[in-house]
N, C-alpha and C. Protein backbone atom coordinates (compact mmCIF):
# COMPACT_ATOMS: atom_id res chain seq x y z
N MET A 1 0.86 -1.18 0.00
CA MET A 1 0.00 0.00 0.00
C MET A 1 0.90 1.24 0.00
N SER A 2 0.53 2.22 -0.77
CA SER A 2 1.37 3.41 -0.89
C SER A 2 1.23 4.32 0.33
N GLU A 3 2.21 5.18 0.49
CA GLU A 3 2.19 6.16 1.58
C GLU A 3 0.99 7.09 1.44
N TYR A 4 0.64 7.43 0.20
CA TYR A 4 -0.53 8.28 -0.07
C TYR A 4 -1.79 7.64 0.49
N VAL A 5 -1.99 6.37 0.21
CA VAL A 5 -3.18 5.67 0.66
C VAL A 5 -3.20 5.58 2.19
N GLU A 6 -2.05 5.27 2.79
CA GLU A 6 -1.97 5.19 4.24
C GLU A 6 -2.31 6.54 4.88
N ARG A 7 -1.81 7.62 4.32
CA ARG A 7 -2.08 8.96 4.87
C ARG A 7 -3.56 9.31 4.71
N LEU A 8 -4.13 8.97 3.56
CA LEU A 8 -5.56 9.24 3.33
C LEU A 8 -6.40 8.47 4.34
N GLU A 9 -6.04 7.24 4.61
CA GLU A 9 -6.77 6.45 5.61
C GLU A 9 -6.70 7.12 6.98
N GLN A 10 -5.53 7.64 7.34
CA GLN A 10 -5.37 8.33 8.62
C GLN A 10 -6.28 9.55 8.70
N ILE A 11 -6.29 10.34 7.65
CA ILE A 11 -7.09 11.57 7.63
C ILE A 11 -8.58 11.24 7.70
N LEU A 12 -9.02 10.25 6.92
CA LEU A 12 -10.44 9.90 6.88
C LEU A 12 -10.86 9.10 8.10
N GLY A 13 -9.90 8.54 8.82
CA GLY A 13 -10.23 7.77 10.01
C GLY A 13 -10.82 6.40 9.69
N THR A 14 -10.50 5.86 8.54
CA THR A 14 -11.00 4.55 8.14
C THR A 14 -9.97 3.89 7.25
N THR A 15 -10.07 2.59 7.11
CA THR A 15 -9.16 1.90 6.21
C THR A 15 -9.83 1.67 4.87
N ILE A 16 -9.02 1.58 3.86
CA ILE A 16 -9.53 1.37 2.52
C ILE A 16 -9.67 -0.14 2.32
N THR A 17 -10.77 -0.66 2.82
CA THR A 17 -11.05 -2.08 2.65
C THR A 17 -12.38 -2.30 1.96
N LYS A 18 -13.27 -1.36 2.11
CA LYS A 18 -14.59 -1.46 1.47
C LYS A 18 -14.61 -0.47 0.32
N TYR A 19 -14.50 -0.98 -0.87
CA TYR A 19 -14.44 -0.08 -2.02
C TYR A 19 -15.10 -0.72 -3.23
N THR A 20 -15.55 0.15 -4.12
CA THR A 20 -16.23 -0.30 -5.35
C THR A 20 -15.84 0.60 -6.50
N PRO A 21 -15.08 0.20 -7.43
CA PRO A 21 -14.08 -0.85 -7.31
C PRO A 21 -12.83 -0.37 -6.57
N ASN A 22 -12.52 0.92 -6.63
CA ASN A 22 -11.34 1.43 -5.94
C ASN A 22 -11.64 2.64 -5.06
N ALA A 23 -12.86 2.75 -4.59
CA ALA A 23 -13.24 3.89 -3.75
C ALA A 23 -13.76 3.40 -2.42
N ILE A 24 -13.40 4.10 -1.35
CA ILE A 24 -13.94 3.77 -0.04
C ILE A 24 -14.97 4.82 0.34
N LYS A 25 -15.96 4.39 1.06
CA LYS A 25 -16.96 5.32 1.59
C LYS A 25 -16.47 5.82 2.94
N PHE A 26 -16.73 7.08 3.21
CA PHE A 26 -16.48 7.62 4.55
C PHE A 26 -17.68 8.46 4.92
N SER A 27 -17.84 8.69 6.21
CA SER A 27 -18.98 9.50 6.66
C SER A 27 -18.56 10.37 7.84
N ASN A 28 -19.37 11.38 8.09
CA ASN A 28 -19.20 12.31 9.20
C ASN A 28 -17.86 13.04 9.20
N LEU A 29 -17.40 13.40 8.02
CA LEU A 29 -16.17 14.18 7.89
C LEU A 29 -16.47 15.61 8.32
N SER A 30 -15.64 16.16 9.18
CA SER A 30 -15.85 17.53 9.65
C SER A 30 -15.42 18.55 8.60
N LEU A 31 -15.89 19.77 8.75
CA LEU A 31 -15.48 20.86 7.87
C LEU A 31 -13.98 21.07 7.95
N ASP A 32 -13.41 21.02 9.15
CA ASP A 32 -11.96 21.21 9.31
C ASP A 32 -11.17 20.17 8.52
N VAL A 33 -11.61 18.92 8.57
CA VAL A 33 -10.89 17.86 7.85
C VAL A 33 -11.08 18.03 6.35
N LEU A 34 -12.26 18.44 5.91
CA LEU A 34 -12.48 18.68 4.49
C LEU A 34 -11.56 19.81 4.00
N GLU A 35 -11.45 20.87 4.78
CA GLU A 35 -10.55 21.97 4.41
C GLU A 35 -9.10 21.48 4.38
N TYR A 36 -8.73 20.62 5.30
CA TYR A 36 -7.38 20.07 5.34
C TYR A 36 -7.11 19.22 4.10
N LEU A 37 -8.08 18.38 3.72
CA LEU A 37 -7.91 17.56 2.52
C LEU A 37 -7.67 18.42 1.29
N LEU A 38 -8.38 19.54 1.21
CA LEU A 38 -8.19 20.47 0.09
C LEU A 38 -6.79 21.09 0.16
N ALA A 39 -6.41 21.57 1.33
CA ALA A 39 -5.10 22.23 1.49
C ALA A 39 -3.94 21.27 1.20
N GLN A 40 -4.12 19.98 1.49
CA GLN A 40 -3.06 19.00 1.30
C GLN A 40 -3.08 18.35 -0.08
N GLY A 41 -4.03 18.74 -0.92
CA GLY A 41 -4.05 18.23 -2.29
C GLY A 41 -4.76 16.90 -2.47
N TYR A 42 -5.50 16.43 -1.47
CA TYR A 42 -6.24 15.18 -1.62
C TYR A 42 -7.53 15.38 -2.42
N THR A 43 -7.91 16.61 -2.63
CA THR A 43 -9.05 16.94 -3.46
C THR A 43 -8.80 18.31 -4.07
N LYS A 44 -9.65 18.70 -4.98
CA LYS A 44 -9.53 20.02 -5.63
C LYS A 44 -10.80 20.81 -5.38
N ALA A 45 -10.68 22.13 -5.38
CA ALA A 45 -11.82 23.01 -5.11
C ALA A 45 -12.96 22.78 -6.09
N ASP A 46 -12.65 22.45 -7.33
CA ASP A 46 -13.69 22.29 -8.34
C ASP A 46 -14.15 20.84 -8.52
N ASN A 47 -13.67 19.96 -7.64
CA ASN A 47 -14.07 18.56 -7.71
C ASN A 47 -15.51 18.39 -7.23
N TYR A 48 -16.24 17.50 -7.88
CA TYR A 48 -17.61 17.20 -7.47
C TYR A 48 -17.93 15.76 -7.80
N TYR A 49 -19.02 15.26 -7.24
CA TYR A 49 -19.42 13.88 -7.44
C TYR A 49 -20.79 13.88 -8.10
N ASN A 50 -20.87 13.34 -9.31
CA ASN A 50 -22.12 13.35 -10.09
C ASN A 50 -22.67 14.78 -10.14
N ALA A 51 -23.88 15.02 -9.62
CA ALA A 51 -24.48 16.35 -9.71
C ALA A 51 -24.32 17.16 -8.42
N SER A 52 -23.44 16.71 -7.52
CA SER A 52 -23.26 17.42 -6.25
C SER A 52 -22.56 18.76 -6.46
N PRO A 53 -22.64 19.64 -5.45
CA PRO A 53 -21.86 20.88 -5.51
C PRO A 53 -20.35 20.56 -5.48
N THR A 54 -19.54 21.53 -5.82
CA THR A 54 -18.09 21.35 -5.78
C THR A 54 -17.59 21.34 -4.34
N ILE A 55 -16.38 20.88 -4.16
CA ILE A 55 -15.75 20.90 -2.83
C ILE A 55 -15.75 22.33 -2.29
N ALA A 56 -15.41 23.30 -3.13
CA ALA A 56 -15.38 24.70 -2.69
C ALA A 56 -16.76 25.14 -2.18
N ARG A 57 -17.81 24.74 -2.88
CA ARG A 57 -19.17 25.11 -2.45
C ARG A 57 -19.56 24.40 -1.15
N PHE A 58 -19.14 23.14 -0.99
CA PHE A 58 -19.41 22.44 0.28
C PHE A 58 -18.71 23.16 1.43
N ILE A 59 -17.46 23.56 1.21
CA ILE A 59 -16.73 24.28 2.26
C ILE A 59 -17.40 25.61 2.56
N GLU A 60 -17.77 26.33 1.54
CA GLU A 60 -18.45 27.62 1.72
C GLU A 60 -19.75 27.43 2.51
N PHE A 61 -20.54 26.42 2.16
CA PHE A 61 -21.78 26.20 2.88
C PHE A 61 -21.51 25.71 4.30
N GLY A 62 -20.48 24.90 4.49
CA GLY A 62 -20.10 24.47 5.83
C GLY A 62 -19.74 25.64 6.72
N ARG A 63 -19.04 26.61 6.16
CA ARG A 63 -18.70 27.83 6.92
C ARG A 63 -19.95 28.63 7.24
N ARG A 64 -20.89 28.66 6.31
CA ARG A 64 -22.17 29.36 6.55
C ARG A 64 -22.92 28.67 7.70
N CYS A 65 -22.86 27.36 7.76
CA CYS A 65 -23.49 26.63 8.86
C CYS A 65 -22.90 27.08 10.19
N VAL A 66 -21.57 27.18 10.26
CA VAL A 66 -20.90 27.62 11.48
C VAL A 66 -21.39 29.01 11.87
N GLU A 67 -21.49 29.92 10.90
CA GLU A 67 -22.00 31.27 11.17
C GLU A 67 -23.39 31.23 11.78
N MET A 68 -24.19 30.25 11.38
CA MET A 68 -25.58 30.13 11.83
C MET A 68 -25.70 29.28 13.10
N GLY A 69 -24.58 28.86 13.66
CA GLY A 69 -24.59 28.07 14.89
C GLY A 69 -24.90 26.60 14.66
N ALA A 70 -24.80 26.14 13.43
CA ALA A 70 -25.06 24.74 13.09
C ALA A 70 -23.73 24.07 12.71
N MET A 71 -23.79 22.76 12.53
CA MET A 71 -22.59 22.03 12.15
C MET A 71 -22.90 21.11 10.98
N ALA A 72 -22.07 21.21 9.95
CA ALA A 72 -22.21 20.33 8.79
C ALA A 72 -21.15 19.24 8.86
N THR A 73 -21.55 18.03 8.48
CA THR A 73 -20.60 16.95 8.26
C THR A 73 -20.84 16.40 6.86
N PHE A 74 -19.85 15.73 6.34
CA PHE A 74 -19.87 15.32 4.94
C PHE A 74 -19.57 13.83 4.80
N ASP A 75 -20.25 13.20 3.85
CA ASP A 75 -19.99 11.82 3.48
C ASP A 75 -19.44 11.83 2.06
N GLY A 76 -18.73 10.80 1.71
CA GLY A 76 -18.22 10.75 0.35
C GLY A 76 -17.40 9.52 0.08
N VAL A 77 -16.52 9.67 -0.90
CA VAL A 77 -15.65 8.57 -1.32
C VAL A 77 -14.22 9.06 -1.42
N GLY A 78 -13.31 8.18 -1.04
CA GLY A 78 -11.89 8.40 -1.23
C GLY A 78 -11.39 7.33 -2.17
N PHE A 79 -10.49 7.68 -3.02
CA PHE A 79 -10.05 6.74 -4.04
C PHE A 79 -8.69 6.15 -3.72
N LYS A 80 -8.54 4.87 -4.01
CA LYS A 80 -7.30 4.15 -3.79
C LYS A 80 -6.23 4.59 -4.78
N ASN A 81 -6.66 5.07 -5.93
CA ASN A 81 -5.77 5.51 -7.00
C ASN A 81 -5.28 6.93 -6.68
N GLU A 82 -3.98 7.14 -6.66
CA GLU A 82 -3.43 8.44 -6.31
C GLU A 82 -3.78 9.54 -7.30
N ASP A 83 -4.22 9.18 -8.49
CA ASP A 83 -4.59 10.19 -9.48
C ASP A 83 -6.01 10.71 -9.27
N SER A 84 -6.75 10.06 -8.40
CA SER A 84 -8.14 10.46 -8.15
C SER A 84 -8.22 11.31 -6.89
N ASP A 85 -9.40 11.81 -6.63
CA ASP A 85 -9.59 12.72 -5.52
C ASP A 85 -10.63 12.20 -4.54
N VAL A 86 -10.65 12.83 -3.39
CA VAL A 86 -11.74 12.65 -2.44
C VAL A 86 -12.92 13.46 -2.97
N ALA A 87 -14.09 12.88 -2.92
CA ALA A 87 -15.30 13.56 -3.39
C ALA A 87 -16.38 13.46 -2.32
N ILE A 88 -17.24 14.45 -2.28
CA ILE A 88 -18.35 14.48 -1.31
C ILE A 88 -19.65 14.15 -2.04
N ASP A 89 -20.44 13.24 -1.44
CA ASP A 89 -21.72 12.89 -2.05
C ASP A 89 -22.91 13.06 -1.11
N ALA A 90 -22.66 13.59 0.11
CA ALA A 90 -23.77 13.83 1.04
C ALA A 90 -23.36 14.87 2.07
N ILE A 91 -24.35 15.59 2.59
CA ILE A 91 -24.14 16.57 3.64
C ILE A 91 -25.24 16.40 4.68
N LYS A 92 -24.84 16.52 5.94
CA LYS A 92 -25.79 16.47 7.06
C LYS A 92 -25.52 17.70 7.92
N VAL A 93 -26.58 18.40 8.29
CA VAL A 93 -26.45 19.60 9.11
C VAL A 93 -27.29 19.42 10.36
N VAL A 94 -26.68 19.63 11.51
CA VAL A 94 -27.39 19.56 12.79
C VAL A 94 -27.25 20.89 13.52
N GLY A 95 -28.20 21.17 14.40
CA GLY A 95 -28.13 22.39 15.21
C GLY A 95 -28.74 23.61 14.55
N VAL A 96 -29.62 23.41 13.57
CA VAL A 96 -30.25 24.53 12.88
C VAL A 96 -31.28 25.17 13.81
N LYS A 97 -31.15 26.48 13.99
CA LYS A 97 -32.06 27.20 14.88
C LYS A 97 -32.96 28.18 14.12
N ASP A 98 -32.65 28.44 12.88
CA ASP A 98 -33.34 29.45 12.09
C ASP A 98 -34.02 28.79 10.89
N LEU A 99 -35.34 28.90 10.81
CA LEU A 99 -36.07 28.28 9.70
C LEU A 99 -35.68 28.86 8.35
N ASP A 100 -35.26 30.12 8.31
CA ASP A 100 -34.81 30.69 7.04
C ASP A 100 -33.58 29.95 6.52
N PHE A 101 -32.76 29.44 7.44
CA PHE A 101 -31.58 28.70 7.04
C PHE A 101 -31.96 27.38 6.37
N VAL A 102 -33.08 26.81 6.74
CA VAL A 102 -33.57 25.60 6.08
C VAL A 102 -33.77 25.89 4.59
N GLY A 103 -34.31 27.07 4.29
CA GLY A 103 -34.48 27.47 2.89
C GLY A 103 -33.15 27.58 2.17
N GLU A 104 -32.13 28.12 2.86
CA GLU A 104 -30.79 28.20 2.26
C GLU A 104 -30.26 26.80 1.95
N PHE A 105 -30.49 25.88 2.87
CA PHE A 105 -30.04 24.49 2.67
C PHE A 105 -30.72 23.89 1.44
N ILE A 106 -32.03 24.05 1.35
CA ILE A 106 -32.78 23.48 0.23
C ILE A 106 -32.29 24.05 -1.10
N LYS A 107 -32.00 25.34 -1.10
CA LYS A 107 -31.47 25.97 -2.32
C LYS A 107 -30.07 25.41 -2.64
N PHE A 108 -29.23 25.24 -1.61
CA PHE A 108 -27.88 24.73 -1.81
C PHE A 108 -27.89 23.32 -2.40
N VAL A 109 -28.79 22.48 -1.94
CA VAL A 109 -28.78 21.07 -2.36
C VAL A 109 -29.68 20.79 -3.56
N GLN A 110 -30.17 21.83 -4.18
CA GLN A 110 -31.05 21.67 -5.34
C GLN A 110 -30.46 20.67 -6.33
N GLY A 111 -31.28 19.74 -6.77
CA GLY A 111 -30.82 18.73 -7.71
C GLY A 111 -30.31 17.46 -7.05
N CYS A 112 -30.37 17.39 -5.71
CA CYS A 112 -29.90 16.18 -5.03
C CYS A 112 -30.87 15.02 -5.32
N ASP A 113 -30.40 13.81 -5.07
CA ASP A 113 -31.23 12.63 -5.31
C ASP A 113 -32.10 12.27 -4.11
N GLU A 114 -31.71 12.72 -2.94
CA GLU A 114 -32.47 12.45 -1.72
C GLU A 114 -32.29 13.63 -0.78
N ILE A 115 -33.37 14.02 -0.13
CA ILE A 115 -33.30 15.11 0.85
C ILE A 115 -34.18 14.74 2.04
N GLU A 116 -33.70 15.11 3.21
CA GLU A 116 -34.49 14.90 4.42
C GLU A 116 -34.38 16.17 5.26
N VAL A 117 -35.52 16.71 5.62
CA VAL A 117 -35.57 17.92 6.43
C VAL A 117 -36.42 17.61 7.65
N SER A 118 -35.83 17.77 8.83
CA SER A 118 -36.58 17.53 10.07
C SER A 118 -36.11 18.52 11.12
N SER A 119 -36.74 18.48 12.27
CA SER A 119 -36.33 19.37 13.36
C SER A 119 -34.99 18.92 13.94
N GLU A 120 -34.58 17.69 13.66
CA GLU A 120 -33.34 17.13 14.18
C GLU A 120 -32.14 17.47 13.29
N TYR A 121 -32.34 17.36 11.99
CA TYR A 121 -31.22 17.59 11.07
C TYR A 121 -31.70 17.78 9.64
N LEU A 122 -30.77 18.24 8.82
CA LEU A 122 -30.97 18.39 7.37
C LEU A 122 -30.00 17.43 6.70
N PHE A 123 -30.45 16.77 5.64
CA PHE A 123 -29.59 15.79 4.97
C PHE A 123 -29.89 15.84 3.47
N ALA A 124 -28.84 15.72 2.67
CA ALA A 124 -29.00 15.59 1.22
C ALA A 124 -27.92 14.65 0.70
N TRP A 125 -28.29 13.92 -0.35
CA TRP A 125 -27.38 12.92 -0.92
C TRP A 125 -27.50 12.94 -2.44
N TRP A 126 -26.37 12.76 -3.09
CA TRP A 126 -26.32 12.67 -4.55
C TRP A 126 -25.84 11.28 -4.91
N ASP A 127 -26.54 10.62 -5.85
CA ASP A 127 -26.17 9.28 -6.26
C ASP A 127 -25.22 9.35 -7.45
C-alpha cells in the first residue's frame, strides 16, 4: 500500500477495505478535515461527485453553517488511486435554529437525489 493511501486512511479515520471498485466510503467528515484535505491536495476546489456541488461550495456552505450556529458533516468517497480525488456525495447539518436557514439548505442542495428535512437535522445525498 502506498504512503498516499496510508495517509488518506489516517485523515479519513478509516481503512480502505470497502471499495467499489477502488473507492472507499467515509462519513461524518468535519469541515476542518475537508478543508485540510483540500489544502493537502487530496481533493480540488472544483471537484464534485455526479451532480453534487463542488468541494469549494461544500466548504463555503459548511462555513455558513458555522456562522448560523449549526454544524455540517460530509460523506463521500476516497479513491485508492493516487490520481483520483476525495469527493463528497452527502451533507448532514445539525443544530439549525433558524427556519430561514432551512431554505438556504434546500437551495444549496437543489438537484440532489435524496433530501431529508426535520427538526433534528438536514440531509441531502447525490447518487
